[in-house]
Amino acid sequence: MLEQENTFIVKERMFNDYQLGQLQEIKSTVDCECPNQVSTIVNSLASFEIYSQKCINKNDQDEKLHTLIYEKTSQARTIMEEALKAICIYENINI
């Protein structure tokens, strides 16, 4: 039913909760809310990543599903952190 990658590696977070909070408050130099919006997305993904690790599994299928959800959320968080890092570089934001 659920296919999983065997080579999954969790990447450490690039931004901590404090840094994400700071980015959510920044006024953009290009009249754009990307730093705010993307930091909110990263924060939500990081929170869900932690939540999905704690899900209760009723059986092996539950465990496989929750593992898949955790892995995909971790991958999404990493991708969006890379985007946020690019935004910070572009806008010369030092967090």
PDB file of N, CA and C in Angstrom:
ATOM      1  N   MET A   1       0.815  -1.194   0.000  1.00  0.00           N
ATOM      2  CA  MET A   1       0.000   0.000   0.000  1.00  0.00           C
ATOM      3  C   MET A   1       0.859   1.258   0.000  1.00  0.00           C
ATOM      4  N   LEU A   2       1.787   1.377   0.930  1.00  0.00           N
ATOM      5  CA  LEU A   2       2.605   2.575   1.042  1.00  0.00           C
ATOM      6  C   LEU A   2       4.053   2.256   0.714  1.00  0.00           C
ATOM      7  N   GLU A   3       4.583   2.958  -0.265  1.00  0.00           N
ATOM      8  CA  GLU A   3       5.984   2.788  -0.625  1.00  0.00           C
ATOM      9  C   GLU A   3       6.795   3.862   0.084  1.00  0.00           C
ATOM     10  N   GLN A   4       7.915   3.471   0.639  1.00  0.00           N
ATOM     11  CA  GLN A   4       8.779   4.407   1.329  1.00  0.00           C
ATOM     12  C   GLN A   4      10.182   4.331   0.749  1.00  0.00           C
ATOM     13  N   GLU A   5      10.870   5.465   0.794  1.00  0.00           N
ATOM     14  CA  GLU A   5      12.255   5.495   0.359  1.00  0.00           C
ATOM     15  C   GLU A   5      13.113   4.898   1.465  1.00  0.00           C
ATOM     16  N   ASN A   6      14.074   4.091   1.091  1.00  0.00           N
ATOM     17  CA  ASN A   6      14.944   3.470   2.074  1.00  0.00           C
ATOM     18  C   ASN A   6      16.119   4.354   2.462  1.00  0.00           C
ATOM     19  N   THR A   7      16.335   5.443   1.753  1.00  0.00           N
ATOM     20  CA  THR A   7      17.506   6.281   1.981  1.00  0.00           C
ATOM     21  C   THR A   7      17.156   7.608   2.648  1.00  0.00           C
ATOM     22  N   PHE A   8      16.061   7.662   3.350  1.00  0.00           N
ATOM     23  CA  PHE A   8      15.627   8.911   3.970  1.00  0.00           C
ATOM     24  C   PHE A   8      16.581   9.336   5.085  1.00  0.00           C
ATOM     25  N   ILE A   9      16.992  10.596   5.040  1.00  0.00           N
ATOM     26  CA  ILE A   9      17.830  11.179   6.091  1.00  0.00           C
ATOM     27  C   ILE A   9      17.195  12.504   6.499  1.00  0.00           C
ATOM     28  N   VAL A  10      16.933  12.658   7.788  1.00  0.00           N
ATOM     29  CA  VAL A  10      16.368  13.911   8.297  1.00  0.00           C
ATOM     30  C   VAL A  10      17.477  14.950   8.326  1.00  0.00           C
ATOM     31  N   LYS A  11      17.220  16.090   7.721  1.00  0.00           N
ATOM     32  CA  LYS A  11      18.186  17.189   7.757  1.00  0.00           C
ATOM     33  C   LYS A  11      17.838  18.098   8.926  1.00  0.00           C
ATOM     34  N   GLU A  12      18.874  18.576   9.602  1.00  0.00           N
ATOM     35  CA  GLU A  12      18.655  19.483  10.716  1.00  0.00           C
ATOM     36  C   GLU A  12      18.009  20.767  10.228  1.00  0.00           C
ATOM     37  N   ARG A  13      17.272  21.379  11.115  1.00  0.00           N
ATOM     38  CA  ARG A  13      16.626  22.643  10.779  1.00  0.00           C
ATOM     39  C   ARG A  13      17.664  23.729  10.525  1.00  0.00           C
ATOM     40  N   MET A  14      17.388  24.577   9.542  1.00  0.00           N
ATOM     41  CA  MET A  14      18.255  25.719   9.245  1.00  0.00           C
ATOM     42  C   MET A  14      17.902  26.922  10.113  1.00  0.00           C
ATOM     43  N   PHE A  15      16.641  26.992  10.541  1.00  0.00           N
ATOM     44  CA  PHE A  15      16.140  28.124  11.309  1.00  0.00           C
ATOM     45  C   PHE A  15      15.462  27.601  12.573  1.00  0.00           C
ATOM     46  N   ASN A  16      15.757  28.215  13.707  1.00  0.00           N
ATOM     47  CA  ASN A  16      15.068  27.820  14.933  1.00  0.00           C
ATOM     48  C   ASN A  16      13.780  28.630  15.088  1.00  0.00           C
ATOM     49  N   ASP A  17      13.003  28.322  16.114  1.00  0.00           N
ATOM     50  CA  ASP A  17      11.708  28.985  16.307  1.00  0.00           C
ATOM     51  C   ASP A  17      11.860  30.494  16.486  1.00  0.00           C
ATOM     52  N   TYR A  18      12.886  30.910  17.198  1.00  0.00           N
ATOM     53  CA  TYR A  18      13.107  32.347  17.410  1.00  0.00           C
ATOM     54  C   TYR A  18      13.382  33.052  16.083  1.00  0.00           C
ATOM     55  N   GLN A  19      14.261  32.477  15.278  1.00  0.00           N
ATOM     56  CA  GLN A  19      14.591  33.072  13.985  1.00  0.00           C
ATOM     57  C   GLN A  19      13.362  33.154  13.085  1.00  0.00           C
ATOM     58  N   LEU A  20      12.556  32.098  13.071  1.00  0.00           N
ATOM     59  CA  LEU A  20      11.341  32.117  12.257  1.00  0.00           C
ATOM     60  C   LEU A  20      10.388  33.205  12.735  1.00  0.00           C
ATOM     61  N   GLY A  21      10.293  33.367  14.047  1.00  0.00           N
ATOM     62  CA  GLY A  21       9.449  34.437  14.599  1.00  0.00           C
ATOM     63  C   GLY A  21       9.933  35.808  14.163  1.00  0.00           C
ATOM     64  N   GLN A  22      11.248  36.003  14.169  1.00  0.00           N
ATOM     65  CA  GLN A  22      11.820  37.274  13.710  1.00  0.00           C
ATOM     66  C   GLN A  22      11.497  37.515  12.241  1.00  0.00           C
ATOM     67  N   LEU A  23      11.618  36.484  11.438  1.00  0.00           N
ATOM     68  CA  LEU A  23      11.343  36.620  10.004  1.00  0.00           C
ATOM     69  C   LEU A  23       9.870  36.901   9.733  1.00  0.00           C
ATOM     70  N   GLN A  24       8.995  36.409  10.586  1.00  0.00           N
ATOM     71  CA  GLN A  24       7.566  36.664  10.403  1.00  0.00           C
ATOM     72  C   GLN A  24       7.219  38.127  10.667  1.00  0.00           C
ATOM     73  N   GLU A  25       8.102  38.855  11.334  1.00  0.00           N
ATOM     74  CA  GLU A  25       7.856  40.256  11.672  1.00  0.00           C
ATOM     75  C   GLU A  25       8.571  41.251  10.759  1.00  0.00           C
ATOM     76  N   ILE A  26       9.420  40.775   9.887  1.00  0.00           N
ATOM     77  CA  ILE A  26      10.241  41.657   9.040  1.00  0.00           C
ATOM     78  C   ILE A  26       9.411  42.371   7.980  1.00  0.00           C
ATOM     79  N   LYS A  27       9.758  43.608   7.756  1.00  0.00           N
ATOM     80  CA  LYS A  27       9.177  44.379   6.649  1.00  0.00           C
ATOM     81  C   LYS A  27      10.096  44.219   5.451  1.00  0.00           C
ATOM     82  N   SER A  28       9.578  43.731   4.360  1.00  0.00           N
ATOM     83  CA  SER A  28      10.370  43.447   3.175  1.00  0.00           C
ATOM     84  C   SER A  28      10.801  44.728   2.472  1.00  0.00           C
ATOM     85  N   THR A  29      12.001  44.697   1.895  1.00  0.00           N
ATOM     86  CA  THR A  29      12.509  45.848   1.154  1.00  0.00           C
ATOM     87  C   THR A  29      11.921  45.928  -0.249  1.00  0.00           C
ATOM     88  N   VAL A  30      11.290  44.857  -0.714  1.00  0.00           N
ATOM     89  CA  VAL A  30      10.718  44.867  -2.069  1.00  0.00           C
ATOM     90  C   VAL A  30       9.193  44.832  -2.020  1.00  0.00           C
ATOM     91  N   ASP A  31       8.626  45.309  -0.905  1.00  0.00           N
ATOM     92  CA  ASP A  31       7.177  45.369  -0.728  1.00  0.00           C
ATOM     93  C   ASP A  31       6.534  44.018  -1.043  1.00  0.00           C
ATOM     94  N   CYS A  32       7.048  43.002  -0.394  1.00  0.00           N
ATOM     95  CA  CYS A  32       6.621  41.632  -0.616  1.00  0.00           C
ATOM     96  C   CYS A  32       6.582  40.936   0.741  1.00  0.00           C
ATOM     97  N   GLU A  33       5.649  40.050   0.916  1.00  0.00           N
ATOM     98  CA  GLU A  33       5.523  39.351   2.192  1.00  0.00           C
ATOM     99  C   GLU A  33       6.147  37.961   2.172  1.00  0.00           C
ATOM    100  N   CYS A  34       6.986  37.674   1.197  1.00  0.00           N
ATOM    101  CA  CYS A  34       7.590  36.334   1.111  1.00  0.00           C
ATOM    102  C   CYS A  34       8.363  35.941   2.369  1.00  0.00           C
ATOM    103  N   PRO A  35       9.198  36.808   2.950  1.00  0.00           N
ATOM    104  CA  PRO A  35       9.890  36.377   4.172  1.00  0.00           C
ATOM    105  C   PRO A  35       8.903  35.964   5.271  1.00  0.00           C
ATOM    106  N   ASN A  36       7.841  36.733   5.419  1.00  0.00           N
ATOM    107  CA  ASN A  36       6.835  36.445   6.438  1.00  0.00           C
ATOM    108  C   ASN A  36       6.078  35.160   6.132  1.00  0.00           C
ATOM    109  N   GLN A  37       5.613  35.040   4.914  1.00  0.00           N
ATOM    110  CA  GLN A  37       4.798  33.890   4.534  1.00  0.00           C
ATOM    111  C   GLN A  37       5.603  32.592   4.532  1.00  0.00           C
ATOM    112  N   VAL A  38       6.797  32.628   3.971  1.00  0.00           N
ATOM    113  CA  VAL A  38       7.602  31.413   3.900  1.00  0.00           C
ATOM    114  C   VAL A  38       8.061  30.992   5.291  1.00  0.00           C
ATOM    115  N   SER A  39       8.396  31.952   6.159  1.00  0.00           N
ATOM    116  CA  SER A  39       8.779  31.584   7.525  1.00  0.00           C
ATOM    117  C   SER A  39       7.599  30.962   8.270  1.00  0.00           C
ATOM    118  N   THR A  40       6.395  31.414   8.001  1.00  0.00           N
ATOM    119  CA  THR A  40       5.194  30.821   8.607  1.00  0.00           C
ATOM    120  C   THR A  40       5.019  29.385   8.114  1.00  0.00           C
ATOM    121  N   ILE A  41       5.231  29.167   6.833  1.00  0.00           N
ATOM    122  CA  ILE A  41       5.120  27.811   6.270  1.00  0.00           C
ATOM    123  C   ILE A  41       6.170  26.891   6.896  1.00  0.00           C
ATOM    124  N   VAL A  42       7.411  27.363   6.989  1.00  0.00           N
ATOM    125  CA  VAL A  42       8.479  26.555   7.583  1.00  0.00           C
ATOM    126  C   VAL A  42       8.144  26.220   9.032  1.00  0.00           C
ATOM    127  N   ASN A  43       7.656  27.197   9.769  1.00  0.00           N
ATOM    128  CA  ASN A  43       7.290  26.979  11.169  1.00  0.00           C
ATOM    129  C   ASN A  43       6.190  25.924  11.281  1.00  0.00           C
ATOM    130  N   SER A  44       5.184  26.013  10.427  1.00  0.00           N
ATOM    131  CA  SER A  44       4.093  25.036  10.445  1.00  0.00           C
ATOM    132  C   SER A  44       4.589  23.637  10.093  1.00  0.00           C
ATOM    133  N   LEU A  45       5.448  23.544   9.092  1.00  0.00           N
ATOM    134  CA  LEU A  45       5.995  22.238   8.710  1.00  0.00           C
ATOM    135  C   LEU A  45       6.852  21.649   9.825  1.00  0.00           C
ATOM    136  N   ALA A  46       7.667  22.476  10.467  1.00  0.00           N
ATOM    137  CA  ALA A  46       8.507  21.990  11.569  1.00  0.00           C
ATOM    138  C   ALA A  46       7.636  21.479  12.717  1.00  0.00           C
ATOM    139  N   SER A  47       6.573  22.199  13.023  1.00  0.00           N
ATOM    140  CA  SER A  47       5.661  21.775  14.086  1.00  0.00           C
ATOM    141  C   SER A  47       4.969  20.467  13.732  1.00  0.00           C
ATOM    142  N   PHE A  48       4.514  20.344  12.491  1.00  0.00           N
ATOM    143  CA  PHE A  48       3.842  19.114  12.077  1.00  0.00           C
ATOM    144  C   PHE A  48       4.813  17.945  12.006  1.00  0.00           C
ATOM    145  N   GLU A  49       6.045  18.234  11.651  1.00  0.00           N
ATOM    146  CA  GLU A  49       7.076  17.193  11.610  1.00  0.00           C
ATOM    147  C   GLU A  49       7.241  16.569  13.003  1.00  0.00           C
ATOM    148  N   ILE A  50       7.292  17.400  14.023  1.00  0.00           N
ATOM    149  CA  ILE A  50       7.394  16.915  15.406  1.00  0.00           C
ATOM    150  C   ILE A  50       6.126  16.164  15.793  1.00  0.00           C
ATOM    151  N   TYR A  51       4.983  16.731  15.464  1.00  0.00           N
ATOM    152  CA  TYR A  51       3.699  16.098  15.784  1.00  0.00           C
ATOM    153  C   TYR A  51       3.589  14.712  15.160  1.00  0.00           C
ATOM    154  N   SER A  52       3.977  14.592  13.896  1.00  0.00           N
ATOM    155  CA  SER A  52       3.802  13.320  13.185  1.00  0.00           C
ATOM    156  C   SER A  52       4.670  12.206  13.762  1.00  0.00           C
ATOM    157  N   GLN A  53       5.757  12.564  14.438  1.00  0.00           N
ATOM    158  CA  GLN A  53       6.597  11.558  15.093  1.00  0.00           C
ATOM    159  C   GLN A  53       5.917  10.961  16.313  1.00  0.00           C
ATOM    160  N   LYS A  54       4.972  11.693  16.876  1.00  0.00           N
ATOM    161  CA  LYS A  54       4.336  11.274  18.126  1.00  0.00           C
ATOM    162  C   LYS A  54       2.984  10.593  17.917  1.00  0.00           C
ATOM    163  N   CYS A  55       2.593  10.382  16.683  1.00  0.00           N
ATOM    164  CA  CYS A  55       1.302   9.753  16.414  1.00  0.00           C
ATOM    165  C   CYS A  55       1.279   8.325  16.965  1.00  0.00           C
ATOM    166  N   ILE A  56       0.135   7.948  17.476  1.00  0.00           N
ATOM    167  CA  ILE A  56      -0.049   6.605  18.008  1.00  0.00           C
ATOM    168  C   ILE A  56      -0.395   5.666  16.861  1.00  0.00           C
ATOM    169  N   ASN A  57       0.264   4.527  16.828  1.00  0.00           N
ATOM    170  CA  ASN A  57       0.057   3.561  15.762  1.00  0.00           C
ATOM    171  C   ASN A  57      -0.743   2.379  16.288  1.00  0.00           C
ATOM    172  N   LYS A  58      -1.855   2.115  15.628  1.00  0.00           N
ATOM    173  CA  LYS A  58      -2.694   0.971  16.020  1.00  0.00           C
ATOM    174  C   LYS A  58      -2.157  -0.333  15.453  1.00  0.00           C
ATOM    175  N   ASN A  59      -1.421  -0.242  14.352  1.00  0.00           N
ATOM    176  CA  ASN A  59      -0.908  -1.444  13.695  1.00  0.00           C
ATOM    177  C   ASN A  59       0.246  -1.059  12.763  1.00  0.00           C
ATOM    178  N   ASP A  60       0.764  -2.034  12.053  1.00  0.00           N
ATOM    179  CA  ASP A  60       1.901  -1.790  11.158  1.00  0.00           C
ATOM    180  C   ASP A  60       1.566  -0.810  10.039  1.00  0.00           C
ATOM    181  N   GLN A  61       0.350  -0.875   9.530  1.00  0.00           N
ATOM    182  CA  GLN A  61      -0.054   0.046   8.457  1.00  0.00           C
ATOM    183  C   GLN A  61      -0.089   1.489   8.974  1.00  0.00           C
ATOM    184  N   ASP A  62      -0.583   1.679  10.178  1.00  0.00           N
ATOM    185  CA  ASP A  62      -0.559   3.012  10.790  1.00  0.00           C
ATOM    186  C   ASP A  62       0.875   3.524  10.889  1.00  0.00           C
ATOM    187  N   GLU A  63       1.744   2.656  11.361  1.00  0.00           N
ATOM    188  CA  GLU A  63       3.148   3.046  11.527  1.00  0.00           C
ATOM    189  C   GLU A  63       3.773   3.435  10.188  1.00  0.00           C
ATOM    190  N   LYS A  64       3.495   2.680   9.145  1.00  0.00           N
ATOM    191  CA  LYS A  64       4.019   2.990   7.815  1.00  0.00           C
ATOM    192  C   LYS A  64       3.489   4.327   7.318  1.00  0.00           C
ATOM    193  N   LEU A  65       2.187   4.554   7.534  1.00  0.00           N
ATOM    194  CA  LEU A  65       1.590   5.821   7.099  1.00  0.00           C
ATOM    195  C   LEU A  65       2.196   7.000   7.849  1.00  0.00           C
ATOM    196  N   HIS A  66       2.308   6.891   9.158  1.00  0.00           N
ATOM    197  CA  HIS A  66       2.862   7.995   9.951  1.00  0.00           C
ATOM    198  C   HIS A  66       4.336   8.232   9.634  1.00  0.00           C
ATOM    199  N   THR A  67       5.058   7.171   9.342  1.00  0.00           N
ATOM    200  CA  THR A  67       6.457   7.320   8.938  1.00  0.00           C
ATOM    201  C   THR A  67       6.540   8.054   7.600  1.00  0.00           C
ATOM    202  N   LEU A  68       5.685   7.694   6.671  1.00  0.00           N
ATOM    203  CA  LEU A  68       5.648   8.360   5.368  1.00  0.00           C
ATOM    204  C   LEU A  68       5.311   9.845   5.533  1.00  0.00           C
ATOM    205  N   ILE A  69       4.312  10.136   6.343  1.00  0.00           N
ATOM    206  CA  ILE A  69       3.916  11.528   6.578  1.00  0.00           C
ATOM    207  C   ILE A  69       5.069  12.314   7.186  1.00  0.00           C
ATOM    208  N   TYR A  70       5.732  11.724   8.172  1.00  0.00           N
ATOM    209  CA  TYR A  70       6.875  12.380   8.810  1.00  0.00           C
ATOM    210  C   TYR A  70       7.986  12.655   7.793  1.00  0.00           C
ATOM    211  N   GLU A  71       8.329  11.657   7.001  1.00  0.00           N
ATOM    212  CA  GLU A  71       9.406  11.815   6.033  1.00  0.00           C
ATOM    213  C   GLU A  71       9.086  12.884   4.991  1.00  0.00           C
ATOM    214  N   LYS A  72       7.880  12.868   4.469  1.00  0.00           N
ATOM    215  CA  LYS A  72       7.502  13.849   3.449  1.00  0.00           C
ATOM    216  C   LYS A  72       7.435  15.258   4.036  1.00  0.00           C
ATOM    217  N   THR A  73       6.974  15.365   5.272  1.00  0.00           N
ATOM    218  CA  THR A  73       6.926  16.674   5.926  1.00  0.00           C
ATOM    219  C   THR A  73       8.340  17.197   6.155  1.00  0.00           C
ATOM    220  N   SER A  74       9.233  16.334   6.572  1.00  0.00           N
ATOM    221  CA  SER A  74      10.630  16.718   6.774  1.00  0.00           C
ATOM    222  C   SER A  74      11.261  17.189   5.470  1.00  0.00           C
ATOM    223  N   GLN A  75      10.978  16.480   4.392  1.00  0.00           N
ATOM    224  CA  GLN A  75      11.500  16.882   3.083  1.00  0.00           C
ATOM    225  C   GLN A  75      10.936  18.235   2.660  1.00  0.00           C
ATOM    226  N   ALA A  76       9.641  18.439   2.875  1.00  0.00           N
ATOM    227  CA  ALA A  76       9.005  19.714   2.520  1.00  0.00           C
ATOM    228  C   ALA A  76       9.596  20.855   3.341  1.00  0.00           C
ATOM    229  N   ARG A  77       9.821  20.602   4.636  1.00  0.00           N
ATOM    230  CA  ARG A  77      10.425  21.619   5.503  1.00  0.00           C
ATOM    231  C   ARG A  77      11.805  22.002   4.999  1.00  0.00           C
ATOM    232  N   THR A  78      12.594  21.010   4.630  1.00  0.00           N
ATOM    233  CA  THR A  78      13.946  21.272   4.136  1.00  0.00           C
ATOM    234  C   THR A  78      13.912  22.094   2.847  1.00  0.00           C
ATOM    235  N   ILE A  79      13.031  21.750   1.944  1.00  0.00           N
ATOM    236  CA  ILE A  79      12.902  22.491   0.680  1.00  0.00           C
ATOM    237  C   ILE A  79      12.499  23.950   0.948  1.00  0.00           C
ATOM    238  N   MET A  80      11.534  24.144   1.827  1.00  0.00           N
ATOM    239  CA  MET A  80      11.080  25.510   2.112  1.00  0.00           C
ATOM    240  C   MET A  80      12.115  26.299   2.910  1.00  0.00           C
ATOM    241  N   GLU A  81      12.914  25.629   3.720  1.00  0.00           N
ATOM    242  CA  GLU A  81      14.011  26.326   4.402  1.00  0.00           C
ATOM    243  C   GLU A  81      15.040  26.817   3.398  1.00  0.00           C
ATOM    244  N   GLU A  82      15.301  26.017   2.379  1.00  0.00           N
ATOM    245  CA  GLU A  82      16.222  26.443   1.322  1.00  0.00           C
ATOM    246  C   GLU A  82      15.679  27.683   0.614  1.00  0.00           C
ATOM    247  N   ALA A  83      14.380  27.701   0.365  1.00  0.00           N
ATOM    248  CA  ALA A  83      13.756  28.875  -0.257  1.00  0.00           C
ATOM    249  C   ALA A  83      13.863  30.082   0.666  1.00  0.00           C
ATOM    250  N   LEU A  84      13.626  29.873   1.955  1.00  0.00           N
ATOM    251  CA  LEU A  84      13.707  30.970   2.916  1.00  0.00           C
ATOM    252  C   LEU A  84      15.137  31.498   3.015  1.00  0.00           C
ATOM    253  N   LYS A  85      16.097  30.615   2.974  1.00  0.00           N
ATOM    254  CA  LYS A  85      17.496  31.048   2.991  1.00  0.00           C
ATOM    255  C   LYS A  85      17.800  31.916   1.772  1.00  0.00           C
ATOM    256  N   ALA A  86      17.293  31.525   0.604  1.00  0.00           N
ATOM    257  CA  ALA A  86      17.497  32.305  -0.620  1.00  0.00           C
ATOM    258  C   ALA A  86      16.839  33.680  -0.500  1.00  0.00           C
ATOM    259  N   ILE A  87      15.668  33.732   0.109  1.00  0.00           N
ATOM    260  CA  ILE A  87      14.982  35.015   0.327  1.00  0.00           C
ATOM    261  C   ILE A  87      15.837  35.902   1.222  1.00  0.00           C
ATOM    262  N   CYS A  88      16.358  35.321   2.309  1.00  0.00           N
ATOM    263  CA  CYS A  88      17.188  36.103   3.242  1.00  0.00           C
ATOM    264  C   CYS A  88      18.425  36.647   2.557  1.00  0.00           C
ATOM    265  N   ILE A  89      19.054  35.840   1.718  1.00  0.00           N
ATOM    266  CA  ILE A  89      20.232  36.289   0.998  1.00  0.00           C
ATOM    267  C   ILE A  89      19.856  37.425   0.028  1.00  0.00           C
ATOM    268  N   TYR A  90      18.779  37.230  -0.718  1.00  0.00           N
ATOM    269  CA  TYR A  90      18.327  38.218  -1.691  1.00  0.00           C
ATOM    270  C   TYR A  90      18.002  39.557  -1.030  1.00  0.00           C
ATOM    271  N   GLU A  91      17.324  39.481   0.126  1.00  0.00           N
ATOM    272  CA  GLU A  91      16.896  40.707   0.810  1.00  0.00           C
ATOM    273  C   GLU A  91      17.916  41.197   1.844  1.00  0.00           C
ATOM    274  N   ASN A  92      19.077  40.535   1.896  1.00  0.00           N
ATOM    275  CA  ASN A  92      20.131  40.912   2.841  1.00  0.00           C
ATOM    276  C   ASN A  92      19.613  40.917   4.284  1.00  0.00           C
ATOM    277  N   ILE A  93      18.896  39.855   4.622  1.00  0.00           N
ATOM    278  CA  ILE A  93      18.359  39.689   5.971  1.00  0.00           C
ATOM    279  C   ILE A  93      19.318  38.784   6.741  1.00  0.00           C
ATOM    280  N   ASN A  94      19.839  39.296   7.843  1.00  0.00           N
ATOM    281  CA  ASN A  94      20.728  38.519   8.700  1.00  0.00           C
ATOM    282  C   ASN A  94      19.987  38.142   9.971  1.00  0.00           C
ATOM    283  N   ILE A  95      19.694  36.873  10.088  1.00  0.00           N
ATOM    284  CA  ILE A  95      18.988  36.362  11.276  1.00  0.00           C
ATOM    285  C   ILE A  95      19.930  35.441  12.027  1.00  0.00           C
TER     286      ILE A  95
END
